Amino acid sequence: MDLDITAEQHDLLTLCALRAGDATLDWSLIARGAQSPDGLAALMDGQVREDSRAATKNRPLLQQALAAGLDDARARVDDELAAAGKAGARLVTVLDKDYPANLRVIGNLPPFLFHRGELDQRDARSIAVVGTRQASEDGLRRAARMARELVDHDVVIASGLAKGVDAAAHQATLTAGGRTFAVMGTGIAAPIYPAENRPLAKAIMDAGGALLSQFWPTSPPAKYTFPRRNVVTSGTTLGSVVIEASSTSGAKMQARLAAEHGKLVFLIRSLADTQPWAKKMLDEGRAILVTASSDITDRLGQAADIQAAGQQRQQLALAGL
C-alpha cells in the first residue's frame, strides 16, 4: 500500500536524510526543533534555534547540506516510504498528535516511528520488561510471570523482540490475552531479527499489538541500532523492569537510560542480589526494588491521564512555552 503522508511529514524525513559530506544530522535535535512554533519551517531554512552543544555542531552541517540541495534526500525518503508501504507499515512523527505520549517527554526522542499494527492510547500505561538474551530458565520464568501479573493490572508490555527475556515477556503477554508492542533494532521493512522470532512478531500483530521502529525502513541490524533501540524502549514506557542482566547487557544500559529519562526503574530482588550494578542503582536511589508486581502497579497512573499529559506537553511546545 502507498503511505499517505503530509508535506510537513515529508519535509521532516527529508531533514533526517540530509548529509553534509559523510556527516548526518542529529535526529533528536531535529525532533526537538520541529515541535516548536514554525520549527519545521525554520529548520528547512537552515535555522537551529536551540542553544546547545548539539545545535552548535549541527547548525553548519544543516546549512551545508541544504546548500547542496534536497533532491538526493527527497529521493531517499521516497524510496524508504515505498519500502514501508510495501511492508504494510505506517508513519507517525513528532508533528502528529498520536505520537506516543511517553516518548514525547524525553530529550533524545526520535523524529519519527514506522509501525506495523496499531498504536493505542493504552500504550501510555506501559512497562518495558527487559533482560539478557542469554537468560537462565529462572530468568525466563520470572519474565513470563512478571508480564502476566502486569497484564492482570491492565499494563501494556513493551520489549525489544530479542531472544531470551524479551521473547518470554512478549509471549507470556500474548498467552495472557494482554497487549504488547515490540521496539525493533531494525527497519520496519527489513527481515525480522532475530529470524527465530518472526513467528512471535506475527503473533504480536495478529493479536492487535504493534512493531515499532525508529530507523529507516530498510535498515538492517547493526551494532549501533540496538543501543538506540533501548532509548525508544525506555522512552515509550512509564518505566522498565529488568529481570536478568549482566554488567555488559543492553538491559543494564536501558536501566541507565530510563533513569536519565526520569522514568521508573524497577529491579527484581534476584538481580539486586547477584549484580553489583543493580545494587548500586538501588543504593543511589535511582531504582526501585521489586518483590511483587504491586511494587510496580501501585506507582502507575491511568492511560487516559498519561495520554492527556503528553498532549498537553505537545500543546505547550507548539505554543513556544
C-alpha atoms as a PDB file:
ATOM      1  CA  MET A   1       0.000   0.000   0.000  1.00  0.00           C
ATOM      2  CA  ASP A   2       1.071   3.590  -0.502  1.00  0.00           C
ATOM      3  CA  LEU A   3       1.754   5.636   2.612  1.00  0.00           C
ATOM      4  CA  ASP A   4      -0.439   8.722   2.796  1.00  0.00           C
ATOM      5  CA  ILE A   5       1.796  11.377   4.376  1.00  0.00           C
ATOM      6  CA  THR A   6       1.648  15.147   4.628  1.00  0.00           C
ATOM      7  CA  ALA A   7       4.058  17.617   3.063  1.00  0.00           C
ATOM      8  CA  GLU A   8       5.259  18.507   6.571  1.00  0.00           C
ATOM      9  CA  GLN A   9       5.994  14.870   7.396  1.00  0.00           C
ATOM     10  CA  HIS A  10       7.917  14.548   4.130  1.00  0.00           C
ATOM     11  CA  ASP A  11       9.953  17.657   4.983  1.00  0.00           C
ATOM     12  CA  LEU A  12      10.771  16.234   8.416  1.00  0.00           C
ATOM     13  CA  LEU A  13      12.001  12.981   6.896  1.00  0.00           C
ATOM     14  CA  THR A  14      13.958  14.932   4.291  1.00  0.00           C
ATOM     15  CA  LEU A  15      15.836  16.769   7.050  1.00  0.00           C
ATOM     16  CA  CYS A  16      16.733  13.382   8.546  1.00  0.00           C
ATOM     17  CA  ALA A  17      18.020  12.188   5.160  1.00  0.00           C
ATOM     18  CA  LEU A  18      20.290  15.184   4.580  1.00  0.00           C
ATOM     19  CA  ARG A  19      24.045  14.649   4.559  1.00  0.00           C
ATOM     20  CA  ALA A  20      26.912  17.099   4.834  1.00  0.00           C
ATOM     21  CA  GLY A  21      29.759  15.105   3.340  1.00  0.00           C
ATOM     22  CA  ASP A  22      29.950  11.957   5.458  1.00  0.00           C
ATOM     23  CA  ALA A  23      28.082  13.547   8.351  1.00  0.00           C
ATOM     24  CA  THR A  24      24.400  13.184   9.154  1.00  0.00           C
ATOM     25  CA  LEU A  25      22.374  15.488  11.343  1.00  0.00           C
ATOM     26  CA  ASP A  26      21.412  14.847  14.961  1.00  0.00           C
ATOM     27  CA  TRP A  27      17.911  13.428  14.627  1.00  0.00           C
ATOM     28  CA  SER A  28      16.907  14.246  18.207  1.00  0.00           C
ATOM     29  CA  LEU A  29      17.875  17.874  17.599  1.00  0.00           C
ATOM     30  CA  ILE A  30      15.593  17.854  14.545  1.00  0.00           C
ATOM     31  CA  ALA A  31      12.791  16.271  16.583  1.00  0.00           C
ATOM     32  CA  ARG A  32      13.041  18.860  19.357  1.00  0.00           C
ATOM     33  CA  GLY A  33      13.226  21.775  16.926  1.00  0.00           C
ATOM     34  CA  ALA A  34      10.336  20.584  14.772  1.00  0.00           C
ATOM     35  CA  GLN A  35       7.931  20.658  17.740  1.00  0.00           C
ATOM     36  CA  SER A  36       8.303  24.387  18.388  1.00  0.00           C
ATOM     37  CA  PRO A  37       6.224  27.075  16.630  1.00  0.00           C
ATOM     38  CA  ASP A  38       7.254  27.253  12.975  1.00  0.00           C
ATOM     39  CA  GLY A  39      10.130  24.980  13.991  1.00  0.00           C
ATOM     40  CA  LEU A  40       9.995  22.766  10.941  1.00  0.00           C
ATOM     41  CA  ALA A  41       9.978  25.760   8.597  1.00  0.00           C
ATOM     42  CA  ALA A  42      12.934  27.257  10.474  1.00  0.00           C
ATOM     43  CA  LEU A  43      14.920  24.025  10.119  1.00  0.00           C
ATOM     44  CA  MET A  44      14.119  23.851   6.416  1.00  0.00           C
ATOM     45  CA  ASP A  45      15.524  27.382   6.205  1.00  0.00           C
ATOM     46  CA  GLY A  46      18.765  26.348   7.940  1.00  0.00           C
ATOM     47  CA  GLN A  47      17.894  27.823  11.338  1.00  0.00           C
ATOM     48  CA  VAL A  48      18.582  25.893  14.542  1.00  0.00           C
ATOM     49  CA  ARG A  49      17.017  27.849  17.382  1.00  0.00           C
ATOM     50  CA  GLU A  50      18.134  25.589  20.189  1.00  0.00           C
ATOM     51  CA  ASP A  51      21.056  26.793  22.294  1.00  0.00           C
ATOM     52  CA  SER A  52      23.083  23.654  22.965  1.00  0.00           C
ATOM     53  CA  ARG A  53      26.324  21.923  22.069  1.00  0.00           C
ATOM     54  CA  ALA A  54      24.400  19.757  19.585  1.00  0.00           C
ATOM     55  CA  ALA A  55      22.974  22.877  17.942  1.00  0.00           C
ATOM     56  CA  THR A  56      26.395  24.493  17.620  1.00  0.00           C
ATOM     57  CA  LYS A  57      27.769  21.357  15.975  1.00  0.00           C
ATOM     58  CA  ASN A  58      24.797  20.742  13.682  1.00  0.00           C
ATOM     59  CA  ARG A  59      23.954  24.280  12.515  1.00  0.00           C
ATOM     60  CA  PRO A  60      26.778  24.491   9.931  1.00  0.00           C
ATOM     61  CA  LEU A  61      26.132  20.886   8.850  1.00  0.00           C
ATOM     62  CA  LEU A  62      22.464  21.680   8.222  1.00  0.00           C
ATOM     63  CA  GLN A  63      23.291  24.815   6.254  1.00  0.00           C
ATOM     64  CA  GLN A  64      25.917  22.978   4.209  1.00  0.00           C
ATOM     65  CA  ALA A  65      23.515  20.124   3.436  1.00  0.00           C
ATOM     66  CA  LEU A  66      20.682  22.463   2.446  1.00  0.00           C
ATOM     67  CA  ALA A  67      23.010  24.433   0.166  1.00  0.00           C
ATOM     68  CA  ALA A  68      23.839  21.217  -1.696  1.00  0.00           C
ATOM     69  CA  GLY A  69      20.148  20.697  -2.471  1.00  0.00           C
ATOM     70  CA  LEU A  70      17.307  18.448  -1.365  1.00  0.00           C
ATOM     71  CA  ASP A  71      16.965  16.165  -4.383  1.00  0.00           C
ATOM     72  CA  ASP A  72      19.034  13.254  -3.077  1.00  0.00           C
ATOM     73  CA  ALA A  73      17.440  13.418   0.352  1.00  0.00           C
ATOM     74  CA  ARG A  74      13.902  13.534  -1.048  1.00  0.00           C
ATOM     75  CA  ALA A  75      14.688  10.582  -3.333  1.00  0.00           C
ATOM     76  CA  ARG A  76      15.953   8.597  -0.322  1.00  0.00           C
ATOM     77  CA  VAL A  77      12.780   9.418   1.583  1.00  0.00           C
ATOM     78  CA  ASP A  78      10.572   8.331  -1.318  1.00  0.00           C
ATOM     79  CA  ASP A  79      12.445   5.029  -1.622  1.00  0.00           C
ATOM     80  CA  GLU A  80      12.106   4.347   2.098  1.00  0.00           C
ATOM     81  CA  LEU A  81       8.419   5.285   2.118  1.00  0.00           C
ATOM     82  CA  ALA A  82       7.828   2.898  -0.781  1.00  0.00           C
ATOM     83  CA  ALA A  83       9.530   0.090   1.175  1.00  0.00           C
ATOM     84  CA  ALA A  84       7.472   0.891   4.281  1.00  0.00           C
ATOM     85  CA  GLY A  85       4.258   0.927   2.268  1.00  0.00           C
ATOM     86  CA  LYS A  86       5.104  -2.421   0.690  1.00  0.00           C
ATOM     87  CA  ALA A  87       5.628  -3.853   4.180  1.00  0.00           C
ATOM     88  CA  GLY A  88       2.211  -2.579   5.283  1.00  0.00           C
ATOM     89  CA  ALA A  89       3.715  -0.055   7.704  1.00  0.00           C
ATOM     90  CA  ARG A  90       2.543   3.394   8.710  1.00  0.00           C
ATOM     91  CA  LEU A  91       4.285   6.538   9.895  1.00  0.00           C
ATOM     92  CA  VAL A  92       3.899   8.718  12.969  1.00  0.00           C
ATOM     93  CA  THR A  93       6.079  11.776  13.660  1.00  0.00           C
ATOM     94  CA  VAL A  94       6.645  14.354  16.387  1.00  0.00           C
ATOM     95  CA  LEU A  95       4.370  16.630  14.351  1.00  0.00           C
ATOM     96  CA  ASP A  96       1.402  14.332  14.989  1.00  0.00           C
ATOM     97  CA  LYS A  97      -0.934  14.177  17.967  1.00  0.00           C
ATOM     98  CA  ASP A  98      -0.807  10.364  18.066  1.00  0.00           C
ATOM     99  CA  TYR A  99       2.977  10.285  18.557  1.00  0.00           C
ATOM    100  CA  PRO A 100       3.447   8.196  21.747  1.00  0.00           C
ATOM    101  CA  ALA A 101       2.799  10.355  24.808  1.00  0.00           C
ATOM    102  CA  ASN A 102       5.598   8.862  26.925  1.00  0.00           C
ATOM    103  CA  LEU A 103       8.166   9.260  24.153  1.00  0.00           C
ATOM    104  CA  ARG A 104       7.472  12.959  23.709  1.00  0.00           C
ATOM    105  CA  VAL A 105       8.807  13.800  27.165  1.00  0.00           C
ATOM    106  CA  ILE A 106      12.403  12.570  26.667  1.00  0.00           C
ATOM    107  CA  GLY A 107      15.169  14.773  25.318  1.00  0.00           C
ATOM    108  CA  ASN A 108      16.618  12.247  22.862  1.00  0.00           C
ATOM    109  CA  LEU A 109      13.314  11.396  21.202  1.00  0.00           C
ATOM    110  CA  PRO A 110      13.224  10.142  17.595  1.00  0.00           C
ATOM    111  CA  PRO A 111      11.625  12.410  14.987  1.00  0.00           C
ATOM    112  CA  PHE A 112       9.571   9.557  13.541  1.00  0.00           C
ATOM    113  CA  LEU A 113       8.441   5.994  14.050  1.00  0.00           C
ATOM    114  CA  PHE A 114       7.331   3.498  11.455  1.00  0.00           C
ATOM    115  CA  HIS A 115       4.925   0.905  12.787  1.00  0.00           C
ATOM    116  CA  ARG A 116       3.118  -2.239  11.765  1.00  0.00           C
ATOM    117  CA  GLY A 117      -0.001  -2.956  13.732  1.00  0.00           C
ATOM    118  CA  GLU A 118      -1.953  -0.392  15.687  1.00  0.00           C
ATOM    119  CA  LEU A 119      -0.736   2.266  18.082  1.00  0.00           C
ATOM    120  CA  ASP A 120      -3.121   2.511  21.010  1.00  0.00           C
ATOM    121  CA  GLN A 121      -3.784   5.116  23.694  1.00  0.00           C
ATOM    122  CA  ARG A 122      -3.485   2.292  26.237  1.00  0.00           C
ATOM    123  CA  ASP A 123       0.234   2.181  25.395  1.00  0.00           C
ATOM    124  CA  ALA A 124       0.647   5.249  27.605  1.00  0.00           C
ATOM    125  CA  ARG A 125       0.297   2.851  30.574  1.00  0.00           C
ATOM    126  CA  SER A 126       3.105   0.532  29.590  1.00  0.00           C
ATOM    127  CA  ILE A 127       6.128  -1.044  31.219  1.00  0.00           C
ATOM    128  CA  ALA A 128       9.175  -2.450  29.438  1.00  0.00           C
ATOM    129  CA  VAL A 129      10.124  -5.936  30.617  1.00  0.00           C
ATOM    130  CA  VAL A 130      13.732  -6.446  29.573  1.00  0.00           C
ATOM    131  CA  GLY A 131      16.768  -8.599  30.219  1.00  0.00           C
ATOM    132  CA  THR A 132      19.584 -10.595  28.752  1.00  0.00           C
ATOM    133  CA  ARG A 133      19.404 -12.661  25.572  1.00  0.00           C
ATOM    134  CA  GLN A 134      21.297 -15.433  27.403  1.00  0.00           C
ATOM    135  CA  ALA A 135      18.618 -15.843  30.047  1.00  0.00           C
ATOM    136  CA  SER A 136      18.565 -18.667  32.556  1.00  0.00           C
ATOM    137  CA  GLU A 137      15.483 -20.854  32.917  1.00  0.00           C
ATOM    138  CA  ASP A 138      14.698 -18.988  36.145  1.00  0.00           C
ATOM    139  CA  GLY A 139      15.059 -15.681  34.307  1.00  0.00           C
ATOM    140  CA  LEU A 140      12.662 -16.765  31.566  1.00  0.00           C
ATOM    141  CA  ARG A 141      10.109 -17.903  34.167  1.00  0.00           C
ATOM    142  CA  ARG A 142      10.435 -14.650  36.096  1.00  0.00           C
ATOM    143  CA  ALA A 143       9.976 -12.589  32.906  1.00  0.00           C
ATOM    144  CA  ALA A 144       6.857 -14.539  31.974  1.00  0.00           C
ATOM    145  CA  ARG A 145       5.383 -14.272  35.476  1.00  0.00           C
ATOM    146  CA  MET A 146       6.081 -10.537  35.653  1.00  0.00           C
ATOM    147  CA  ALA A 147       4.421  -9.953  32.274  1.00  0.00           C
ATOM    148  CA  ARG A 148       1.346 -11.994  33.259  1.00  0.00           C
ATOM    149  CA  GLU A 149       0.911 -10.192  36.561  1.00  0.00           C
ATOM    150  CA  LEU A 150       1.258  -6.775  34.944  1.00  0.00           C
ATOM    151  CA  VAL A 151      -1.295  -7.748  32.279  1.00  0.00           C
ATOM    152  CA  ASP A 152      -3.704  -8.642  35.106  1.00  0.00           C
ATOM    153  CA  HIS A 153      -3.479  -4.948  36.095  1.00  0.00           C
ATOM    154  CA  ASP A 154      -4.120  -3.650  32.548  1.00  0.00           C
ATOM    155  CA  VAL A 155      -0.490  -2.773  31.907  1.00  0.00           C
ATOM    156  CA  VAL A 156       0.759  -2.900  28.301  1.00  0.00           C
ATOM    157  CA  ILE A 157       4.028  -4.818  27.980  1.00  0.00           C
ATOM    158  CA  ALA A 158       6.842  -3.474  25.810  1.00  0.00           C
ATOM    159  CA  SER A 159      10.101  -5.186  24.951  1.00  0.00           C
ATOM    160  CA  GLY A 160      12.691  -5.449  22.203  1.00  0.00           C
ATOM    161  CA  LEU A 161      11.800  -8.675  20.338  1.00  0.00           C
ATOM    162  CA  ALA A 162      15.216 -10.147  21.191  1.00  0.00           C
ATOM    163  CA  LYS A 163      15.629 -13.764  22.205  1.00  0.00           C
ATOM    164  CA  GLY A 164      15.697 -14.545  25.913  1.00  0.00           C
ATOM    165  CA  VAL A 165      13.855 -12.287  28.357  1.00  0.00           C
ATOM    166  CA  ASP A 166      12.268 -10.104  25.651  1.00  0.00           C
ATOM    167  CA  ALA A 167      10.694 -13.035  23.826  1.00  0.00           C
ATOM    168  CA  ALA A 168       9.482 -14.579  27.102  1.00  0.00           C
ATOM    169  CA  ALA A 169       7.779 -11.325  28.106  1.00  0.00           C
ATOM    170  CA  HIS A 170       6.099 -10.849  24.715  1.00  0.00           C
ATOM    171  CA  GLN A 171       4.917 -14.479  24.573  1.00  0.00           C
ATOM    172  CA  ALA A 172       3.576 -14.535  28.126  1.00  0.00           C
ATOM    173  CA  THR A 173       1.637 -11.333  27.439  1.00  0.00           C
ATOM    174  CA  LEU A 174       0.033 -12.861  24.359  1.00  0.00           C
ATOM    175  CA  THR A 175      -0.805 -16.065  26.233  1.00  0.00           C
ATOM    176  CA  ALA A 176      -2.450 -14.000  28.977  1.00  0.00           C
ATOM    177  CA  GLY A 177      -4.517 -12.074  26.424  1.00  0.00           C
ATOM    178  CA  GLY A 178      -2.693  -8.787  27.041  1.00  0.00           C
ATOM    179  CA  ARG A 179      -1.361  -6.126  24.695  1.00  0.00           C
ATOM    180  CA  THR A 180       2.307  -5.960  23.808  1.00  0.00           C
ATOM    181  CA  PHE A 181       4.413  -3.936  21.411  1.00  0.00           C
ATOM    182  CA  ALA A 182       7.952  -4.610  20.227  1.00  0.00           C
ATOM    183  CA  VAL A 183      10.568  -1.911  19.630  1.00  0.00           C
ATOM    184  CA  MET A 184      12.791  -3.198  16.853  1.00  0.00           C
ATOM    185  CA  GLY A 185      16.520  -2.852  16.296  1.00  0.00           C
ATOM    186  CA  THR A 186      15.986  -2.916  12.524  1.00  0.00           C
ATOM    187  CA  GLY A 187      13.935  -1.061   9.959  1.00  0.00           C
ATOM    188  CA  ILE A 188      10.236  -1.895   9.725  1.00  0.00           C
ATOM    189  CA  ALA A 189      10.637  -3.304   6.189  1.00  0.00           C
ATOM    190  CA  ALA A 190      13.811  -5.299   6.921  1.00  0.00           C
ATOM    191  CA  PRO A 191      13.600  -9.015   7.774  1.00  0.00           C
ATOM    192  CA  ILE A 192      12.632  -9.596  11.415  1.00  0.00           C
ATOM    193  CA  TYR A 193      15.713 -10.015  13.599  1.00  0.00           C
ATOM    194  CA  PRO A 194      16.419 -12.471  15.051  1.00  0.00           C
ATOM    195  CA  ALA A 195      14.852 -14.764  12.457  1.00  0.00           C
ATOM    196  CA  GLU A 196      13.696 -17.187  15.162  1.00  0.00           C
ATOM    197  CA  ASN A 197      11.275 -14.519  16.431  1.00  0.00           C
ATOM    198  CA  ARG A 198       9.479 -13.990  13.122  1.00  0.00           C
ATOM    199  CA  PRO A 199       6.520 -16.131  14.266  1.00  0.00           C
ATOM    200  CA  LEU A 200       6.418 -14.119  17.518  1.00  0.00           C
ATOM    201  CA  ALA A 201       6.359 -10.817  15.588  1.00  0.00           C
ATOM    202  CA  LYS A 202       3.445 -12.108  13.505  1.00  0.00           C
ATOM    203  CA  ALA A 203       1.629 -13.267  16.637  1.00  0.00           C
ATOM    204  CA  ILE A 204       2.046  -9.824  18.221  1.00  0.00           C
ATOM    205  CA  MET A 205       0.434  -8.156  15.213  1.00  0.00           C
ATOM    206  CA  ASP A 206      -2.271 -10.835  14.873  1.00  0.00           C
ATOM    207  CA  ALA A 207      -3.226 -10.165  18.498  1.00  0.00           C
ATOM    208  CA  GLY A 208      -3.638  -6.421  17.853  1.00  0.00           C
ATOM    209  CA  GLY A 209      -0.200  -5.369  19.108  1.00  0.00           C
ATOM    210  CA  ALA A 210       2.434  -3.462  17.180  1.00  0.00           C
ATOM    211  CA  LEU A 211       6.007  -3.433  15.944  1.00  0.00           C
ATOM    212  CA  LEU A 212       7.770  -0.041  16.162  1.00  0.00           C
ATOM    213  CA  SER A 213      10.978   1.174  14.517  1.00  0.00           C
ATOM    214  CA  GLN A 214      12.807   4.494  14.722  1.00  0.00           C
ATOM    215  CA  PHE A 215      15.079   3.630  11.775  1.00  0.00           C
ATOM    216  CA  TRP A 216      14.791   3.977   8.012  1.00  0.00           C
ATOM    217  CA  PRO A 217      12.503   1.122   6.899  1.00  0.00           C
ATOM    218  CA  THR A 218      15.212  -0.781   5.003  1.00  0.00           C
ATOM    219  CA  SER A 219      17.829  -0.549   7.806  1.00  0.00           C
ATOM    220  CA  PRO A 220      19.450  -3.917   8.641  1.00  0.00           C
ATOM    221  CA  PRO A 221      20.586  -4.826  12.161  1.00  0.00           C
ATOM    222  CA  ALA A 222      23.845  -3.108  13.092  1.00  0.00           C
ATOM    223  CA  LYS A 223      25.976  -2.640  16.191  1.00  0.00           C
ATOM    224  CA  TYR A 224      24.623   0.886  16.767  1.00  0.00           C
ATOM    225  CA  THR A 225      20.926   0.104  16.224  1.00  0.00           C
ATOM    226  CA  PHE A 226      20.365  -1.893  19.394  1.00  0.00           C
ATOM    227  CA  PRO A 227      21.585   0.747  21.892  1.00  0.00           C
ATOM    228  CA  ARG A 228      19.421   3.279  20.055  1.00  0.00           C
ATOM    229  CA  ARG A 229      16.513   0.854  20.238  1.00  0.00           C
ATOM    230  CA  ASN A 230      16.918   0.829  24.027  1.00  0.00           C
ATOM    231  CA  VAL A 231      16.340   4.601  24.067  1.00  0.00           C
ATOM    232  CA  VAL A 232      12.924   4.175  22.472  1.00  0.00           C
ATOM    233  CA  THR A 233      12.008   1.102  24.528  1.00  0.00           C
ATOM    234  CA  SER A 234      12.639   3.212  27.621  1.00  0.00           C
ATOM    235  CA  GLY A 235      11.058   6.334  26.169  1.00  0.00           C
ATOM    236  CA  THR A 236       7.768   4.783  25.054  1.00  0.00           C
ATOM    237  CA  THR A 237       7.045   3.386  28.528  1.00  0.00           C
ATOM    238  CA  LEU A 238       6.492   4.674  32.049  1.00  0.00           C
ATOM    239  CA  GLY A 239       9.346   2.550  33.309  1.00  0.00           C
ATOM    240  CA  SER A 240      11.493  -0.520  32.789  1.00  0.00           C
ATOM    241  CA  VAL A 241      11.698  -3.659  34.903  1.00  0.00           C
ATOM    242  CA  VAL A 242      14.970  -5.529  34.487  1.00  0.00           C
ATOM    243  CA  ILE A 243      14.696  -9.274  35.054  1.00  0.00           C
ATOM    244  CA  GLU A 244      18.214 -10.578  34.449  1.00  0.00           C
ATOM    245  CA  ALA A 245      21.208  -8.632  33.114  1.00  0.00           C
ATOM    246  CA  SER A 246      24.975  -8.704  33.446  1.00  0.00           C
ATOM    247  CA  SER A 247      27.167  -5.615  33.662  1.00  0.00           C
ATOM    248  CA  THR A 248      27.602  -5.694  29.860  1.00  0.00           C
ATOM    249  CA  SER A 249      23.951  -6.325  28.955  1.00  0.00           C
ATOM    250  CA  GLY A 250      21.843  -3.936  26.904  1.00  0.00           C
ATOM    251  CA  ALA A 251      19.228  -4.222  29.649  1.00  0.00           C
ATOM    252  CA  LYS A 252      21.659  -2.596  32.090  1.00  0.00           C
ATOM    253  CA  MET A 253      22.012   0.235  29.548  1.00  0.00           C
ATOM    254  CA  GLN A 254      18.244   0.527  29.391  1.00  0.00           C
ATOM    255  CA  ALA A 255      18.039   0.842  33.169  1.00  0.00           C
ATOM    256  CA  ARG A 256      20.530   3.714  32.994  1.00  0.00           C
ATOM    257  CA  LEU A 257      18.648   5.361  30.124  1.00  0.00           C
ATOM    258  CA  ALA A 258      15.323   5.021  31.928  1.00  0.00           C
ATOM    259  CA  ALA A 259      16.803   6.734  34.986  1.00  0.00           C
ATOM    260  CA  GLU A 260      18.169   9.537  32.769  1.00  0.00           C
ATOM    261  CA  HIS A 261      14.738   9.869  31.134  1.00  0.00           C
ATOM    262  CA  GLY A 262      13.105  10.335  34.538  1.00  0.00           C
ATOM    263  CA  LYS A 263      11.276   7.039  34.109  1.00  0.00           C
ATOM    264  CA  LEU A 264      10.729   4.442  36.808  1.00  0.00           C
ATOM    265  CA  VAL A 265      13.455   1.794  37.058  1.00  0.00           C
ATOM    266  CA  PHE A 266      12.450  -1.498  38.674  1.00  0.00           C
ATOM    267  CA  LEU A 267      14.976  -4.190  39.585  1.00  0.00           C
ATOM    268  CA  ILE A 268      13.860  -7.588  40.863  1.00  0.00           C
ATOM    269  CA  ARG A 269      15.417  -8.984  44.024  1.00  0.00           C
ATOM    270  CA  SER A 270      17.338 -11.836  42.388  1.00  0.00           C
ATOM    271  CA  LEU A 271      19.057  -9.301  40.121  1.00  0.00           C
ATOM    272  CA  ALA A 272      19.902  -6.985  43.018  1.00  0.00           C
ATOM    273  CA  ASP A 273      21.337  -9.919  44.980  1.00  0.00           C
ATOM    274  CA  THR A 274      23.677 -11.009  42.166  1.00  0.00           C
ATOM    275  CA  GLN A 275      24.668  -7.910  40.188  1.00  0.00           C
ATOM    276  CA  PRO A 276      26.744  -5.105  41.749  1.00  0.00           C
ATOM    277  CA  TRP A 277      25.486  -2.551  39.204  1.00  0.00           C
ATOM    278  CA  ALA A 278      21.893  -3.244  40.265  1.00  0.00           C
ATOM    279  CA  LYS A 279      22.687  -2.941  43.965  1.00  0.00           C
ATOM    280  CA  LYS A 280      24.484   0.351  43.232  1.00  0.00           C
ATOM    281  CA  MET A 281      21.438   1.793  41.423  1.00  0.00           C
ATOM    282  CA  LEU A 282      19.235   0.837  44.370  1.00  0.00           C
ATOM    283  CA  ASP A 283      21.689   2.261  46.928  1.00  0.00           C
ATOM    284  CA  GLU A 284      21.801   5.539  44.986  1.00  0.00           C
ATOM    285  CA  GLY A 285      18.013   5.776  44.912  1.00  0.00           C
ATOM    286  CA  ARG A 286      17.870   5.565  41.109  1.00  0.00           C
ATOM    287  CA  ALA A 287      15.887   2.338  41.085  1.00  0.00           C
ATOM    288  CA  ILE A 288      13.087   0.604  42.992  1.00  0.00           C
ATOM    289  CA  LEU A 289      13.399  -2.909  44.389  1.00  0.00           C
ATOM    290  CA  VAL A 290      10.602  -5.196  43.207  1.00  0.00           C
ATOM    291  CA  THR A 291       9.483  -8.058  45.418  1.00  0.00           C
ATOM    292  CA  ALA A 292       5.935  -8.201  43.986  1.00  0.00           C
ATOM    293  CA  SER A 293       4.268  -6.798  40.869  1.00  0.00           C
ATOM    294  CA  SER A 294       2.292  -4.421  43.108  1.00  0.00           C
ATOM    295  CA  ASP A 295       5.584  -2.587  43.703  1.00  0.00           C
ATOM    296  CA  ILE A 296       5.194  -1.554  40.041  1.00  0.00           C
ATOM    297  CA  THR A 297       1.440  -1.225  39.554  1.00  0.00           C
ATOM    298  CA  ASP A 298       0.955   0.912  42.677  1.00  0.00           C
ATOM    299  CA  ARG A 299       3.145   3.576  41.052  1.00  0.00           C
ATOM    300  CA  LEU A 300       1.367   3.777  37.683  1.00  0.00           C
ATOM    301  CA  GLY A 301      -1.265   6.272  36.613  1.00  0.00           C
ATOM    302  CA  GLN A 302      -4.152   5.725  34.213  1.00  0.00           C
ATOM    303  CA  ALA A 303      -3.569   5.630  30.463  1.00  0.00           C
ATOM    304  CA  ALA A 304      -6.014   8.437  29.680  1.00  0.00           C
ATOM    305  CA  ASP A 305      -4.347  10.787  32.191  1.00  0.00           C
ATOM    306  CA  ILE A 306      -0.870   9.971  30.869  1.00  0.00           C
ATOM    307  CA  GLN A 307      -2.029  10.497  27.288  1.00  0.00           C
ATOM    308  CA  ALA A 308      -3.580  13.840  28.226  1.00  0.00           C
ATOM    309  CA  ALA A 309      -0.315  14.952  29.861  1.00  0.00           C
ATOM    310  CA  GLY A 310       1.606  14.084  26.689  1.00  0.00           C
ATOM    311  CA  GLN A 311      -0.852  16.038  24.546  1.00  0.00           C
ATOM    312  CA  GLN A 312      -0.596  18.994  26.931  1.00  0.00           C
ATOM    313  CA  ARG A 313       3.178  18.903  26.551  1.00  0.00           C
ATOM    314  CA  GLN A 314       2.781  18.972  22.767  1.00  0.00           C
ATOM    315  CA  GLN A 315       0.453  21.983  23.025  1.00  0.00           C
ATOM    316  CA  LEU A 316       2.954  23.813  25.240  1.00  0.00           C
ATOM    317  CA  ALA A 317       5.743  23.048  22.757  1.00  0.00           C
ATOM    318  CA  LEU A 318       3.633  24.326  19.879  1.00  0.00           C
ATOM    319  CA  ALA A 319       2.868  27.463  21.886  1.00  0.00           C
ATOM    320  CA  GLY A 320       6.581  28.027  22.418  1.00  0.00           C
ATOM    321  CA  LEU A 321       6.416  27.543  26.175  1.00  0.00           C
END
